[in-house]
Protein backbone atom coordinates (compact mmCIF):
# COMPACT_ATOMS: atom_id res chain seq x y z
CA MET A 1 -52.47 -128.19 -40.06
CA SER A 2 -51.55 -125.14 -37.89
CA GLY A 3 -49.46 -122.49 -39.53
CA GLY A 4 -50.41 -123.77 -43.05
CA ASN A 5 -51.53 -120.56 -44.29
CA LYS A 6 -49.22 -120.84 -47.25
CA LYS A 7 -48.24 -117.21 -47.09
CA ASP A 8 -45.35 -117.67 -44.59
CA ASN A 9 -42.02 -117.10 -46.19
CA ILE A 10 -39.58 -119.97 -45.79
CA THR A 11 -36.69 -119.90 -48.28
CA ILE A 12 -34.11 -122.67 -48.73
CA ILE A 13 -30.81 -121.75 -50.59
CA GLY A 14 -29.29 -124.89 -52.03
CA ALA A 15 -31.06 -127.90 -53.54
CA GLY A 16 -28.57 -130.60 -52.29
CA LEU A 17 -29.24 -133.31 -49.86
CA ALA A 18 -29.80 -131.06 -46.99
CA GLY A 19 -31.81 -128.48 -48.94
CA CYS A 20 -34.14 -130.95 -50.58
CA GLU A 21 -34.84 -132.82 -47.23
CA ALA A 22 -35.56 -129.48 -45.52
CA ALA A 23 -37.98 -128.31 -48.31
CA TRP A 24 -39.80 -131.72 -48.12
CA GLN A 25 -40.10 -131.53 -44.37
CA ILE A 26 -41.58 -128.02 -44.46
CA ALA A 27 -44.00 -128.81 -47.26
CA SER A 28 -45.15 -132.02 -45.45
CA ARG A 29 -46.20 -129.85 -42.62
CA GLY A 30 -48.47 -127.70 -44.74
CA PHE A 31 -46.15 -124.81 -45.42
CA SER A 32 -45.22 -123.29 -48.74
CA VAL A 33 -41.40 -123.16 -49.29
CA THR A 34 -39.16 -121.55 -51.99
CA LEU A 35 -36.20 -123.69 -53.01
CA VAL A 36 -33.43 -121.61 -54.70
CA ASP A 37 -30.57 -123.19 -56.49
CA SER A 38 -27.97 -121.71 -58.87
CA LYS A 39 -28.47 -124.74 -61.36
CA PRO A 40 -28.62 -124.79 -64.29
CA SER A 41 -27.23 -121.44 -65.24
CA VAL A 42 -24.30 -121.59 -62.73
CA LEU A 43 -22.57 -124.75 -61.48
CA SER A 44 -19.92 -125.01 -58.85
CA PRO A 45 -16.57 -126.44 -60.07
CA ALA A 46 -17.50 -129.85 -58.65
CA HIS A 47 -20.89 -130.24 -60.21
CA LYS A 48 -21.87 -131.47 -63.64
CA SER A 49 -25.54 -132.39 -63.59
CA GLN A 50 -28.57 -129.96 -63.70
CA ASP A 51 -30.54 -132.15 -61.30
CA PHE A 52 -30.80 -131.68 -57.43
CA CYS A 53 -29.00 -133.80 -54.89
CA GLU A 54 -26.01 -134.50 -57.10
CA LEU A 55 -23.59 -136.89 -55.40
CA VAL A 56 -20.11 -135.70 -56.24
CA CYS A 57 -17.79 -138.02 -54.40
CA SER A 58 -19.33 -141.36 -54.17
CA ASN A 59 -22.54 -143.11 -54.84
CA SER A 60 -22.43 -144.87 -51.50
CA LEU A 61 -24.44 -143.79 -48.46
CA LYS A 62 -22.37 -146.39 -46.43
CA GLY A 63 -23.48 -149.26 -44.25
CA GLU A 64 -26.87 -150.22 -43.15
CA GLY A 65 -26.53 -152.65 -40.23
CA LEU A 66 -26.98 -151.51 -36.76
CA ALA A 67 -23.44 -152.38 -35.86
CA THR A 68 -22.34 -149.57 -38.12
CA SER A 69 -22.74 -145.87 -37.20
CA GLN A 70 -24.19 -145.12 -40.64
CA GLY A 71 -26.76 -147.75 -40.33
CA LEU A 72 -27.92 -146.50 -37.01
CA LEU A 73 -28.09 -142.91 -38.39
CA LYS A 74 -30.23 -144.25 -41.26
CA LYS A 75 -32.56 -146.07 -38.96
CA GLU A 76 -33.00 -142.82 -36.88
CA LEU A 77 -33.78 -140.93 -40.02
CA GLU A 78 -36.26 -143.45 -41.10
CA MET A 79 -38.07 -143.08 -37.72
CA LEU A 80 -38.09 -139.36 -38.52
CA ASP A 81 -39.51 -139.97 -42.00
CA SER A 82 -36.78 -138.76 -44.10
CA PHE A 83 -37.71 -137.95 -47.70
CA VAL A 84 -34.25 -138.19 -49.32
CA LEU A 85 -33.49 -141.52 -47.67
CA LYS A 86 -36.58 -142.91 -49.08
CA CYS A 87 -35.55 -141.63 -52.56
CA ALA A 88 -32.11 -143.30 -52.08
CA ASN A 89 -33.84 -146.68 -51.20
CA GLU A 90 -36.02 -146.28 -54.35
CA THR A 91 -32.83 -145.86 -56.55
CA ARG A 92 -30.41 -148.30 -54.82
CA VAL A 93 -27.92 -150.59 -56.51
CA LYS A 94 -26.49 -153.76 -55.00
CA ALA A 95 -23.62 -152.97 -52.72
CA GLY A 96 -23.48 -155.70 -50.04
CA GLY A 97 -24.23 -154.24 -46.72
CA ALA A 98 -24.17 -150.65 -47.82
CA LEU A 99 -26.81 -148.41 -49.38
CA ALA A 100 -25.59 -147.24 -52.71
CA VAL A 101 -27.49 -145.59 -55.36
CA ASP A 102 -27.51 -145.03 -59.15
CA ARG A 103 -26.35 -141.52 -59.06
CA GLU A 104 -28.29 -140.26 -62.15
CA LYS A 105 -31.55 -142.07 -61.24
CA PHE A 106 -31.27 -140.79 -57.63
CA SER A 107 -30.89 -137.15 -58.58
CA THR A 108 -33.51 -137.35 -61.32
CA PHE A 109 -35.94 -139.11 -58.90
CA VAL A 110 -35.42 -136.46 -56.08
CA THR A 111 -35.73 -133.59 -58.62
CA LYS A 112 -38.91 -134.90 -59.96
CA ARG A 113 -40.57 -135.45 -56.57
CA ILE A 114 -39.58 -131.99 -55.39
CA LYS A 115 -40.76 -130.22 -58.54
CA GLU A 116 -44.12 -132.08 -58.43
CA ASN A 117 -44.80 -130.95 -54.93
CA PRO A 118 -47.37 -128.15 -55.06
CA LEU A 119 -46.08 -126.41 -51.87
CA ILE A 120 -42.51 -126.14 -53.22
CA THR A 121 -41.63 -123.43 -55.66
CA ILE A 122 -38.32 -123.54 -57.47
CA GLU A 123 -36.28 -120.56 -58.35
CA GLU A 124 -33.10 -120.98 -60.47
CA ARG A 125 -30.85 -118.13 -59.67
CA LEU A 126 -27.44 -117.31 -57.90
CA VAL A 127 -28.27 -115.92 -54.48
CA GLU A 128 -26.04 -112.92 -53.40
CA SER A 129 -27.18 -112.33 -49.89
CA VAL A 130 -29.51 -113.82 -47.20
CA PHE A 131 -30.26 -111.46 -44.45
CA GLU A 132 -32.72 -108.75 -45.34
CA GLY A 133 -31.55 -106.25 -42.64
CA GLU A 134 -34.39 -106.94 -40.17
CA GLU A 135 -33.96 -109.29 -37.33
CA LEU A 136 -36.66 -111.36 -35.71
CA ARG A 137 -37.44 -110.08 -32.31
CA VAL A 138 -36.63 -113.41 -30.67
CA LYS A 139 -34.40 -114.00 -27.67
CA CYS A 140 -31.74 -116.75 -27.91
CA GLU A 141 -31.07 -117.31 -24.25
CA ASP A 142 -33.50 -120.28 -23.91
CA SER A 143 -33.54 -121.92 -27.35
CA GLU A 144 -35.25 -124.95 -26.00
CA ASN A 145 -38.37 -122.77 -25.84
CA LEU A 146 -37.65 -120.20 -28.68
CA SER A 147 -41.00 -118.47 -28.73
CA ALA A 148 -40.55 -115.18 -26.96
CA ASP A 149 -42.66 -113.16 -29.40
CA PRO A 150 -46.00 -113.84 -31.17
CA PHE A 151 -45.63 -115.04 -34.82
CA SER A 152 -49.26 -114.59 -35.96
CA THR A 153 -48.26 -111.60 -37.94
CA LEU A 154 -44.74 -112.73 -38.89
CA ASN A 155 -43.63 -110.70 -41.90
CA HIS A 156 -39.93 -111.72 -41.84
CA PRO A 157 -38.67 -114.48 -44.12
CA LEU A 158 -36.98 -117.43 -42.64
CA TYR A 159 -33.95 -118.79 -44.46
CA ILE A 160 -32.22 -122.21 -44.58
CA VAL A 161 -28.73 -121.90 -46.09
CA ALA A 162 -27.74 -125.30 -47.35
CA THR A 163 -25.25 -124.48 -50.21
CA GLY A 164 -22.59 -127.14 -49.34
CA PRO A 165 -18.87 -127.15 -48.92
CA LEU A 166 -18.46 -125.40 -52.37
CA THR A 167 -20.61 -122.33 -51.64
CA ILE A 168 -19.92 -120.01 -54.60
CA GLY A 169 -20.25 -116.31 -55.53
CA PRO A 170 -21.37 -113.38 -53.48
CA LEU A 171 -23.17 -115.60 -51.06
CA ASN A 172 -19.83 -116.99 -49.83
CA ASP A 173 -18.54 -113.58 -49.12
CA PHE A 174 -21.78 -112.65 -47.42
CA LEU A 175 -21.59 -115.56 -44.98
CA LYS A 176 -18.05 -114.63 -44.20
CA THR A 177 -18.87 -111.10 -43.34
CA GLU A 178 -22.23 -111.65 -41.60
CA PHE A 179 -20.75 -114.31 -39.27
CA ASN A 180 -17.61 -112.43 -38.39
CA ASN A 181 -15.40 -114.47 -40.70
CA ASN A 182 -16.40 -117.72 -39.06
CA LEU A 183 -16.62 -119.37 -42.46
CA HIS A 184 -13.26 -121.38 -42.71
CA PHE A 185 -11.39 -122.60 -45.62
CA PHE A 186 -11.01 -126.29 -44.96
CA ASP A 187 -7.52 -127.30 -45.82
CA ALA A 188 -7.12 -130.58 -44.07
CA ALA A 189 -8.18 -132.78 -41.06
CA ALA A 190 -6.22 -135.27 -39.27
CA PRO A 191 -7.54 -138.91 -38.84
CA ILE A 192 -9.58 -139.77 -35.80
CA ILE A 193 -9.37 -143.12 -34.11
CA SER A 194 -11.49 -145.09 -31.63
CA ALA A 195 -9.98 -144.80 -28.18
CA ASP A 196 -10.72 -148.46 -27.26
CA THR A 197 -8.39 -149.59 -30.07
CA ILE A 198 -5.26 -147.76 -28.78
CA ASP A 199 -2.72 -150.36 -27.49
CA MET A 200 -2.05 -148.63 -24.15
CA SER A 201 0.79 -151.15 -23.38
CA SER A 202 2.63 -149.18 -26.00
CA ALA A 203 1.42 -145.80 -25.04
CA PHE A 204 1.28 -143.51 -21.95
CA VAL A 205 -0.62 -140.43 -20.78
CA GLN A 206 1.26 -137.19 -20.16
CA ASP A 207 1.00 -133.61 -21.24
CA ARG A 208 4.06 -131.94 -22.53
CA TYR A 209 6.17 -130.61 -19.61
CA ASP A 210 3.27 -131.84 -17.40
CA LYS A 211 1.32 -128.81 -18.31
CA GLY A 212 -2.29 -130.09 -18.33
CA ASP A 213 -4.54 -132.72 -16.84
CA GLY A 214 -3.45 -135.73 -18.72
CA ASP A 215 -5.23 -134.79 -21.91
CA TYR A 216 -2.85 -136.49 -24.29
CA ILE A 217 -2.04 -140.07 -25.11
CA ASN A 218 1.50 -140.48 -26.29
CA CYS A 219 2.62 -143.12 -28.83
CA PRO A 220 6.42 -143.35 -28.61
CA MET A 221 8.68 -144.89 -31.32
CA ASN A 222 12.32 -145.89 -31.10
CA LYS A 223 14.81 -144.83 -33.73
CA GLU A 224 14.33 -147.90 -35.86
CA GLU A 225 10.49 -147.77 -35.72
CA TYR A 226 10.54 -144.00 -36.50
CA GLU A 227 12.84 -144.27 -39.42
CA HIS A 228 10.74 -147.14 -40.93
CA PHE A 229 7.67 -145.03 -40.53
CA GLN A 230 9.28 -142.08 -42.22
CA ARG A 231 10.37 -144.19 -45.16
CA GLU A 232 6.90 -145.56 -45.67
CA LEU A 233 5.33 -142.16 -45.44
CA THR A 234 7.58 -140.81 -48.26
CA LYS A 235 6.55 -143.80 -50.55
CA ALA A 236 2.86 -143.81 -49.62
CA GLU A 237 0.38 -143.03 -52.50
CA CYS A 238 -1.48 -139.70 -52.33
CA ILE A 239 -4.97 -138.77 -53.60
CA ILE A 240 -4.84 -137.03 -56.92
CA LYS A 241 -6.02 -133.44 -56.30
CA LYS A 242 -9.00 -132.34 -58.39
CA GLU A 243 -9.09 -129.21 -60.52
CA PHE A 244 -11.39 -127.40 -58.22
CA GLU A 245 -8.95 -127.43 -55.41
CA THR A 246 -6.85 -124.33 -55.06
CA LYS A 247 -3.21 -123.94 -55.75
CA ASP A 248 -2.55 -122.73 -52.16
CA LEU A 249 -4.08 -126.05 -50.72
CA PHE A 250 -1.15 -126.58 -48.32
CA SER A 251 -0.72 -122.97 -47.09
CA GLY A 252 -2.43 -123.44 -43.78
CA CYS A 253 -1.01 -126.77 -42.79
CA MET A 254 1.53 -129.16 -44.19
CA PRO A 255 0.55 -132.75 -44.79
CA ILE A 256 2.47 -135.16 -42.71
CA GLU A 257 3.73 -137.08 -45.74
CA GLU A 258 5.11 -133.78 -47.21
CA MET A 259 6.91 -133.17 -43.87
CA ALA A 260 8.44 -136.64 -44.07
CA ARG A 261 9.72 -135.87 -47.47
CA ARG A 262 11.69 -132.80 -46.31
CA GLY A 263 14.14 -134.88 -44.31
CA VAL A 264 14.32 -137.81 -41.90
CA ASP A 265 14.10 -135.65 -38.80
CA THR A 266 11.66 -132.97 -39.97
CA MET A 267 8.73 -134.65 -38.09
CA ARG A 268 10.84 -135.01 -34.97
CA HIS A 269 11.21 -131.28 -34.97
CA GLY A 270 7.51 -130.77 -35.68
CA PRO A 271 4.51 -132.85 -34.51
CA LEU A 272 6.45 -135.91 -33.46
CA LYS A 273 8.90 -133.91 -31.21
CA PRO A 274 9.59 -135.74 -27.94
CA VAL A 275 10.57 -132.80 -25.86
CA GLY A 276 8.82 -132.38 -22.55
CA LEU A 277 7.79 -136.07 -22.32
CA THR A 278 9.07 -139.00 -20.45
CA CYS A 279 8.37 -142.66 -21.32
CA PRO A 280 7.66 -144.50 -18.10
CA LYS A 281 9.07 -147.72 -19.37
CA GLU A 282 12.47 -146.47 -20.03
CA ASN A 283 12.23 -143.38 -17.73
CA ARG A 284 13.61 -141.21 -20.41
CA ARG A 285 12.63 -139.08 -23.32
CA PRO A 286 11.52 -141.18 -26.34
CA TYR A 287 13.10 -140.94 -29.68
CA ALA A 288 9.86 -139.71 -31.41
CA VAL A 289 6.20 -139.37 -30.17
CA VAL A 290 2.87 -139.25 -31.87
CA GLN A 291 0.35 -137.41 -29.69
CA LEU A 292 -3.31 -138.30 -29.64
CA ARG A 293 -5.73 -135.48 -28.44
CA ARG A 294 -9.21 -136.14 -27.10
CA GLU A 295 -11.82 -135.38 -29.70
CA ASN A 296 -14.99 -135.46 -27.68
CA ALA A 297 -16.35 -135.18 -24.05
CA HIS A 298 -16.75 -138.83 -23.76
CA GLY A 299 -13.07 -139.53 -24.40
CA THR A 300 -14.00 -142.21 -26.86
CA MET A 301 -12.31 -140.49 -30.01
CA PHE A 302 -8.81 -139.12 -30.36
CA ASN A 303 -7.21 -137.35 -33.28
CA LEU A 304 -3.66 -137.66 -34.39
CA VAL A 305 -2.22 -134.33 -33.63
CA GLY A 306 -0.40 -132.74 -36.65
CA PHE A 307 -1.39 -135.62 -38.91
CA GLN A 308 -3.09 -133.62 -41.78
CA THR A 309 -2.77 -135.78 -44.68
CA ASN A 310 -3.55 -136.25 -48.41
CA LEU A 311 -2.76 -140.04 -48.37
CA LYS A 312 -5.35 -142.54 -49.86
CA PHE A 313 -7.44 -144.01 -47.12
CA GLY A 314 -5.90 -147.45 -47.51
CA GLU A 315 -2.41 -145.95 -47.25
CA GLN A 316 -3.46 -144.13 -44.12
CA LYS A 317 -4.46 -147.31 -42.47
CA ARG A 318 -1.28 -149.18 -43.62
CA VAL A 319 1.31 -146.52 -42.77
CA PHE A 320 -0.23 -145.04 -39.57
CA SER A 321 -0.61 -148.62 -38.20
CA LEU A 322 3.10 -148.82 -38.15
CA ILE A 323 3.03 -146.67 -35.06
CA PRO A 324 3.25 -149.42 -32.39
CA ALA A 325 0.38 -148.11 -30.21
CA LEU A 326 -1.93 -147.83 -33.19
CA LYS A 327 -1.19 -151.22 -34.77
CA ASN A 328 -4.90 -152.23 -34.28
CA ALA A 329 -6.38 -148.84 -34.45
CA GLU A 330 -9.93 -148.35 -35.75
CA PHE A 331 -10.22 -145.29 -37.88
CA LEU A 332 -13.45 -143.47 -37.29
CA ARG A 333 -12.53 -140.79 -39.87
CA TYR A 334 -9.65 -140.69 -42.20
CA GLY A 335 -7.75 -137.66 -42.87
CA VAL A 336 -8.88 -135.50 -45.87
CA MET A 337 -7.47 -132.50 -47.77
CA HIS A 338 -9.52 -130.58 -50.17
CA ARG A 339 -11.37 -127.36 -50.66
CA ASN A 340 -14.33 -127.43 -48.11
CA SER A 341 -16.04 -124.38 -46.62
CA PHE A 342 -17.70 -124.79 -43.33
CA ILE A 343 -18.76 -122.51 -40.51
CA ASN A 344 -17.19 -122.42 -37.18
CA ALA A 345 -20.28 -124.18 -35.76
CA PRO A 346 -19.86 -123.82 -31.96
CA LYS A 347 -19.56 -120.06 -32.52
CA THR A 348 -22.31 -119.79 -35.11
CA ILE A 349 -25.21 -122.15 -34.69
CA ASN A 350 -27.03 -124.14 -31.97
CA ARG A 351 -27.97 -127.73 -32.01
CA PHE A 352 -31.17 -126.76 -33.85
CA PHE A 353 -29.01 -125.57 -36.88
CA GLN A 354 -30.22 -122.09 -36.03
CA THR A 355 -27.79 -119.22 -36.17
CA GLN A 356 -27.09 -117.60 -32.86
CA LYS A 357 -26.83 -114.13 -34.43
CA HIS A 358 -29.97 -114.20 -36.53
CA PRO A 359 -32.72 -116.70 -35.28
CA SER A 360 -34.39 -116.30 -38.65
CA ILE A 361 -31.48 -117.95 -40.45
CA PHE A 362 -30.70 -121.65 -40.28
CA ILE A 363 -27.44 -123.37 -41.70
CA ALA A 364 -27.63 -126.92 -42.70
CA GLY A 365 -25.68 -129.60 -44.77
CA GLN A 366 -21.86 -129.78 -44.88
CA LEU A 367 -21.57 -126.07 -44.50
CA SER A 368 -22.92 -126.43 -40.97
CA GLY A 369 -20.15 -128.66 -39.94
CA VAL A 370 -21.49 -132.16 -40.42
CA GLU A 371 -19.54 -134.43 -42.86
CA GLY A 372 -21.06 -136.98 -45.10
CA TYR A 373 -24.20 -137.68 -47.17
CA VAL A 374 -26.44 -139.10 -44.58
CA GLU A 375 -25.23 -136.49 -41.94
CA SER A 376 -26.25 -133.80 -44.47
CA ILE A 377 -29.65 -135.26 -44.82
CA MET A 378 -30.09 -135.38 -41.08
CA SER A 379 -29.16 -131.63 -40.72
CA GLY A 380 -31.64 -130.62 -43.39
CA LEU A 381 -34.38 -132.65 -41.66
CA ILE A 382 -33.77 -131.07 -38.38
CA ALA A 383 -33.48 -127.51 -39.82
CA GLY A 384 -36.70 -127.93 -41.84
CA ILE A 385 -38.67 -129.06 -38.81
CA ASN A 386 -37.25 -126.28 -36.73
CA ALA A 387 -38.17 -123.58 -39.38
CA VAL A 388 -41.84 -124.69 -39.00
CA ASN A 389 -41.64 -125.03 -35.21
CA LEU A 390 -40.24 -121.49 -35.04
CA ILE A 391 -43.24 -120.03 -36.81
CA GLU A 392 -45.73 -122.18 -34.92
CA GLN A 393 -44.16 -121.16 -31.63
CA LYS A 394 -43.37 -124.71 -30.75
CA PRO A 395 -40.25 -125.83 -28.84
CA LEU A 396 -37.49 -126.39 -31.29
CA PHE A 397 -36.54 -130.06 -31.93
CA CYS A 398 -33.26 -131.80 -31.42
CA PRO A 399 -32.98 -135.74 -31.25
CA PRO A 400 -32.12 -136.83 -27.73
CA LYS A 401 -28.69 -137.22 -26.59
CA GLY A 402 -27.55 -140.72 -26.80
CA THR A 403 -28.86 -141.05 -30.32
CA MET A 404 -26.40 -140.73 -33.26
CA SER A 405 -28.28 -137.82 -34.66
CA GLY A 406 -28.71 -136.11 -31.34
CA GLU A 407 -25.01 -136.46 -30.46
CA LEU A 408 -24.10 -135.00 -33.88
CA CYS A 409 -26.29 -132.03 -33.32
CA HIS A 410 -24.84 -131.44 -29.77
CA TYR A 411 -21.27 -131.86 -31.15
CA LEU A 412 -21.87 -128.83 -33.34
CA GLU A 413 -22.58 -126.45 -30.44
CA GLN A 414 -19.97 -127.72 -27.92
CA PRO A 415 -17.13 -125.18 -27.35
CA ASN A 416 -14.18 -126.42 -29.43
CA GLU A 417 -11.21 -124.22 -30.36
CA ASN A 418 -10.14 -126.68 -32.97
CA PHE A 419 -13.49 -127.39 -34.51
CA GLN A 420 -13.43 -129.65 -37.54
CA PRO A 421 -16.44 -131.23 -39.36
CA MET A 422 -17.74 -134.41 -37.93
CA ASN A 423 -19.43 -137.57 -39.31
CA ALA A 424 -21.46 -140.27 -37.67
CA ASN A 425 -19.34 -142.72 -35.54
CA PHE A 426 -19.83 -144.69 -32.32
CA GLY A 427 -17.18 -142.62 -30.56
CA LEU A 428 -19.95 -139.90 -30.24
CA LEU A 429 -22.28 -142.21 -28.19
CA PRO A 430 -22.01 -142.95 -24.49
CA GLN A 431 -20.62 -146.15 -23.49
CA PRO A 432 -22.91 -149.01 -22.61
CA GLU A 433 -23.56 -149.41 -18.94
CA ILE A 434 -21.81 -152.85 -18.96
CA SER A 435 -19.01 -151.68 -21.03
CA LYS A 436 -16.55 -152.20 -18.21
CA LYS A 437 -16.81 -155.93 -19.20
CA LYS A 438 -14.74 -156.82 -22.21
CA LEU A 439 -17.38 -157.12 -24.98
CA PRO A 440 -16.73 -157.91 -28.64
CA LYS A 441 -16.76 -154.66 -30.62
CA ALA A 442 -19.82 -155.60 -32.58
CA ASP A 443 -21.82 -156.45 -29.55
CA LYS A 444 -20.89 -153.18 -27.87
CA LYS A 445 -22.01 -151.28 -30.94
CA MET A 446 -25.31 -153.27 -31.06
CA LEU A 447 -25.93 -152.17 -27.42
CA GLN A 448 -25.32 -148.56 -28.32
CA SER A 449 -27.65 -148.75 -31.25
CA GLU A 450 -30.43 -150.50 -29.39
CA LYS A 451 -30.21 -147.72 -26.63
CA ALA A 452 -30.20 -145.12 -29.25
CA LEU A 453 -33.22 -146.33 -30.97
CA GLU A 454 -35.11 -146.63 -27.67
CA LEU A 455 -34.38 -143.07 -26.83
CA MET A 456 -35.42 -141.97 -30.28
CA GLN A 457 -38.72 -143.98 -30.13
CA ASN A 458 -39.55 -142.08 -26.87
CA LYS A 459 -39.16 -138.66 -28.57
CA ILE A 460 -40.58 -139.15 -32.00
CA ILE A 461 -42.27 -135.95 -33.06
């Protein structure tokens, strides 16, 4: 294979889902790669095992059917020959329509395969820094054809940083400094819902004081509805916080349920304030209003403004569905609150997972701004392919728009002043051409999946 002279320096920091996928993709293209991980000498507060690809939160990689966003993403990764996904299938356990794995067997299996690969060298150490002080002489203006200089005598190492949401030690400080403090401490995220499940007969479009272009959907509540909602919030069950979460967890943004506990009208003076809005049905200001803000360019996803929460997912569904306009809402992402470091992707990387400041450095995994196991695998796969393509002077690869993986990649580079990590969901995809007709939700998703797979098939590398 071209470029397979085995002396090229490609280093991956972090042997999680993204790091192991990237290492395998690089090795499968004939390049040697060094995979560095702090295990077993140093573990993050969330990790217990000495093996790679340790699944901390759940053993489920979610649904498999093409009517599910995760199922579509997995199918796309199969088409791209994902290594980690194959390992998951080898170690799966029964879980209905989902792909779940035996955690220990999965990690052991991945670790064994990685260590047996002759082109992958393992180094067990804590990395303190990445950038060596010399920048590749490559222009970033046209990253579709990022090959401005010859690479036949490339002496600069290429790095893929895939250290996850709990990056530890000096490397965490290095990333903050090197990328202008664009590494954020992830306190909370509000839920995101599917636009087509909002009951617009109980909502209206208006910007506060009419300052804007109709960017907000407003979900009004009368006094009785609001007070019932406030009472249920105060009684709702929260997630028990883990030891590794910091004591100042709520310093950046107060959970909506905590706000409710501070007084019956606290939310009405905060995110649910009705000022500057007029409900067209009554032609007057509502008692309280939940605002929904567009989450993507397609206008298919909306987040609940100010609804950072630490409630259990089932409780979020139960309590937030008490809002009349959201009684049938489909939650594309539930709100979460925990320690989770991630870069401000639109200001740091492009859709190829390559940093804008240093083209020799890629960032993958949850650190890059994707959320979820399968999403992390996808990011590692794309970063690994592009590290090789950069050396071989080939155009960098991104799955086409209209695919789940492609839309996730593009989401990361779209300007977004309120960037938050994103997982796979159908709200990312364009609407089917016949979507003006009222289709059952499952049929609509199948049409989106079929189109995505057609697009992917036409651009398989």
